[in-house]
Amino acid sequence: MIKKVSNIPFSGTAEQEEKLKAVIEECKSDKSLLMHVMQQAQEIYGYLPIEVQIMIAEGMDVPLQKVYGVSTFYAQFALSPKGKYNISVCLGTACYVKGSQQILDKIVEILGIGPGECTQDVKFSLEACRCIGACGLAPVFTVNDDVYGRVTPDKVADILAKYK
C-alpha cells in the first residue's frame, strides 16, 4: 500500500517541477534510468514526497508501486523533508545498552514527531540510526554535526533548547 509519509504539506515550486520534467523528458525512453531520475528529483526537492513519485511514475511510464518500492528500499531516498536541525539517535548495541531508546523516546515526546518525520515548522527532523562510531560516548545523538555523548533523558530538553 502506498501512503503519504510526510506530515508536512507538499510545497513544490513551478521551477522545481520544470527541472524535474526536463530530467524525465531526457530519460523517459530508457526505463533503466528510473533511479537516476529519482536521485535527480531528490536533489531538486530535497526528498521524494508522493506527489513527486507520481510525477516520476507518470513521466517515466512506470507503475507508481515501482517508484514507491525503489524509494522505500534504498536508504539514500527520503520520503520526508529534513529539518534545519537533523537529529540522529544512535541505536547501535553500545548506545542501546546504555539507554539510547529512552533518549529517542524523550526527543519524540518533546518534538511530537517520530523517526523519519519532520516538525511542522521544518525546524527539526528525527532519525534513528544503527551506529555513528562514537561507542565510547554511549548513548549518543547528533544534531547536524554536533555530537552529544553520555546523554541522559533529563539532559535532552536543555540540548534541544539550544536549537529552538
Protein backbone atom coordinates (compact mmCIF):
# COMPACT_ATOMS: atom_id res chain seq x y z
CA MET A 1 0.00 0.00 0.00
CA ILE A 2 1.31 3.43 -0.93
CA LYS A 3 0.75 6.10 1.68
CA LYS A 4 1.65 9.70 2.24
CA VAL A 5 4.57 9.58 4.68
CA SER A 6 5.33 13.19 5.50
CA ASN A 7 3.28 15.25 7.92
CA ILE A 8 4.48 18.39 6.08
CA PRO A 9 2.28 19.61 3.19
CA PHE A 10 3.99 19.37 -0.19
CA SER A 11 5.06 22.80 -1.40
CA GLY A 12 6.96 22.28 -4.63
CA THR A 13 7.50 25.25 -6.91
CA ALA A 14 6.86 25.62 -10.63
CA GLU A 15 10.62 25.95 -11.12
CA GLN A 16 11.25 22.64 -9.36
CA GLU A 17 8.57 20.94 -11.43
CA GLU A 18 10.10 22.28 -14.65
CA LYS A 19 13.52 20.94 -13.64
CA LEU A 20 12.07 17.52 -12.88
CA LYS A 21 10.10 17.43 -16.12
CA ALA A 22 13.31 18.22 -18.04
CA VAL A 23 15.11 15.32 -16.36
CA ILE A 24 12.19 12.98 -17.06
CA GLU A 25 11.99 14.11 -20.69
CA GLU A 26 15.68 13.36 -21.15
CA CYS A 27 15.37 9.88 -19.61
CA LYS A 28 11.85 8.65 -20.31
CA SER A 29 12.81 6.42 -23.23
CA ASP A 30 15.11 4.32 -21.02
CA LYS A 31 13.34 2.81 -18.01
CA SER A 32 16.70 1.66 -16.60
CA LEU A 33 17.28 5.34 -15.72
CA LEU A 34 14.48 5.34 -13.14
CA MET A 35 16.89 5.52 -10.18
CA HIS A 36 18.82 8.32 -11.85
CA VAL A 37 15.58 10.28 -12.29
CA MET A 38 14.67 9.63 -8.65
CA GLN A 39 18.10 10.80 -7.49
CA GLN A 40 17.76 13.96 -9.56
CA ALA A 41 14.26 14.52 -8.15
CA GLN A 42 15.60 14.22 -4.63
CA GLU A 43 18.30 16.77 -5.42
CA ILE A 44 15.65 19.14 -6.79
CA TYR A 45 13.13 18.75 -3.95
CA GLY A 46 15.32 17.53 -1.08
CA TYR A 47 13.14 14.44 -0.64
CA LEU A 48 10.63 12.30 -2.57
CA PRO A 49 7.08 13.10 -1.46
CA ILE A 50 4.29 11.04 -3.01
CA GLU A 51 3.43 13.95 -5.32
CA VAL A 52 6.93 13.79 -6.85
CA GLN A 53 6.78 9.99 -7.07
CA ILE A 54 3.54 10.31 -9.05
CA MET A 55 5.18 12.79 -11.45
CA ILE A 56 8.08 10.36 -11.95
CA ALA A 57 5.81 7.34 -12.45
CA GLU A 58 3.63 9.13 -14.98
CA GLY A 59 6.55 10.74 -16.79
CA MET A 60 8.61 7.55 -16.99
CA ASP A 61 5.52 5.43 -17.72
CA VAL A 62 6.22 3.02 -14.88
CA PRO A 63 3.83 1.90 -12.14
CA LEU A 64 3.73 4.13 -9.08
CA GLN A 65 4.30 0.98 -6.99
CA LYS A 66 7.69 0.54 -8.65
CA VAL A 67 8.76 4.12 -7.85
CA TYR A 68 7.49 3.76 -4.29
CA GLY A 69 9.21 0.37 -3.92
CA VAL A 70 12.56 1.79 -5.02
CA SER A 71 12.17 4.87 -2.81
CA THR A 72 11.44 2.75 0.27
CA PHE A 73 14.05 0.07 -0.44
CA TYR A 74 17.11 2.30 -0.79
CA ALA A 75 18.25 4.26 2.26
CA GLN A 76 19.51 7.12 0.06
CA PHE A 77 15.93 8.22 -0.58
CA ALA A 78 13.98 10.27 1.96
CA LEU A 79 10.18 10.38 1.93
CA SER A 80 10.01 13.28 4.38
CA PRO A 81 11.82 16.61 4.29
CA LYS A 82 14.84 17.16 6.51
CA GLY A 83 14.59 19.89 9.09
CA LYS A 84 17.06 22.71 9.59
CA TYR A 85 18.31 20.61 12.51
CA ASN A 86 18.51 16.90 11.72
CA ILE A 87 18.65 14.82 14.88
CA SER A 88 20.05 11.30 14.64
CA VAL A 89 19.85 8.99 17.64
CA CYS A 90 22.23 6.04 17.67
CA LEU A 91 20.50 2.74 18.42
CA GLY A 92 23.63 0.62 17.88
CA THR A 93 24.40 -2.01 20.50
CA ALA A 94 26.62 0.09 22.80
CA CYS A 95 24.24 3.05 22.75
CA TYR A 96 21.13 0.91 23.08
CA VAL A 97 22.52 -0.93 26.11
CA LYS A 98 23.33 2.43 27.71
CA GLY A 99 19.80 3.80 27.20
CA SER A 100 19.54 5.38 23.75
CA GLN A 101 15.94 4.16 23.33
CA GLN A 102 14.99 6.34 26.31
CA ILE A 103 16.81 9.26 24.66
CA LEU A 104 14.85 8.69 21.45
CA ASP A 105 11.59 8.42 23.41
CA LYS A 106 12.31 11.74 25.17
CA ILE A 107 13.02 13.50 21.86
CA VAL A 108 9.79 12.09 20.40
CA GLU A 109 7.92 13.37 23.47
CA ILE A 110 9.45 16.87 23.27
CA LEU A 111 9.19 17.39 19.50
CA GLY A 112 6.00 15.44 18.84
CA ILE A 113 7.47 13.60 15.86
CA GLY A 114 8.76 10.08 15.35
CA PRO A 115 11.78 8.77 13.46
CA GLY A 116 11.59 9.66 9.78
CA GLU A 117 9.41 12.71 10.47
CA CYS A 118 9.88 16.46 10.49
CA THR A 119 8.26 19.12 12.67
CA GLN A 120 5.58 21.28 11.02
CA ASP A 121 7.88 24.31 11.09
CA VAL A 122 10.57 22.22 9.31
CA LYS A 123 12.98 23.10 12.09
CA PHE A 124 13.69 19.55 13.35
CA SER A 125 13.76 16.15 11.70
CA LEU A 126 14.44 12.91 13.54
CA GLU A 127 16.18 9.68 12.58
CA ALA A 128 17.20 6.54 14.37
CA CYS A 129 20.46 5.09 13.11
CA ARG A 130 22.47 1.94 13.80
CA CYS A 131 25.90 3.34 14.70
CA ILE A 132 27.62 6.71 14.44
CA GLY A 133 31.02 5.44 15.56
CA ALA A 134 31.18 7.08 18.97
CA CYS A 135 30.59 3.96 21.09
CA GLY A 136 32.86 5.20 23.89
CA LEU A 137 30.45 8.10 24.44
CA ALA A 138 27.29 5.97 24.52
CA PRO A 139 24.49 6.83 24.43
CA VAL A 140 24.97 9.34 21.63
CA PHE A 141 22.84 11.52 19.40
CA THR A 142 23.73 14.21 16.90
CA VAL A 143 22.14 17.47 15.86
CA ASN A 144 23.56 18.12 12.40
CA ASP A 145 27.34 17.89 13.05
CA ASP A 146 27.14 18.41 16.81
CA VAL A 147 27.70 15.20 18.80
CA TYR A 148 26.19 14.73 22.26
CA GLY A 149 27.54 11.82 24.30
CA ARG A 150 26.79 10.24 27.64
CA VAL A 151 23.34 11.76 27.39
CA THR A 152 20.58 11.02 29.87
CA PRO A 153 16.88 11.67 29.23
CA ASP A 154 16.88 14.60 31.66
CA LYS A 155 19.53 16.40 29.55
CA VAL A 156 17.62 16.17 26.26
CA ALA A 157 15.35 19.20 26.74
CA ASP A 158 18.29 21.50 27.53
CA ILE A 159 20.22 20.26 24.50
CA LEU A 160 17.27 20.80 22.15
CA ALA A 161 16.60 24.25 23.65
CA LYS A 162 19.93 25.41 22.18
CA TYR A 163 18.41 24.98 18.70
CA LYS A 164 14.99 26.46 19.29
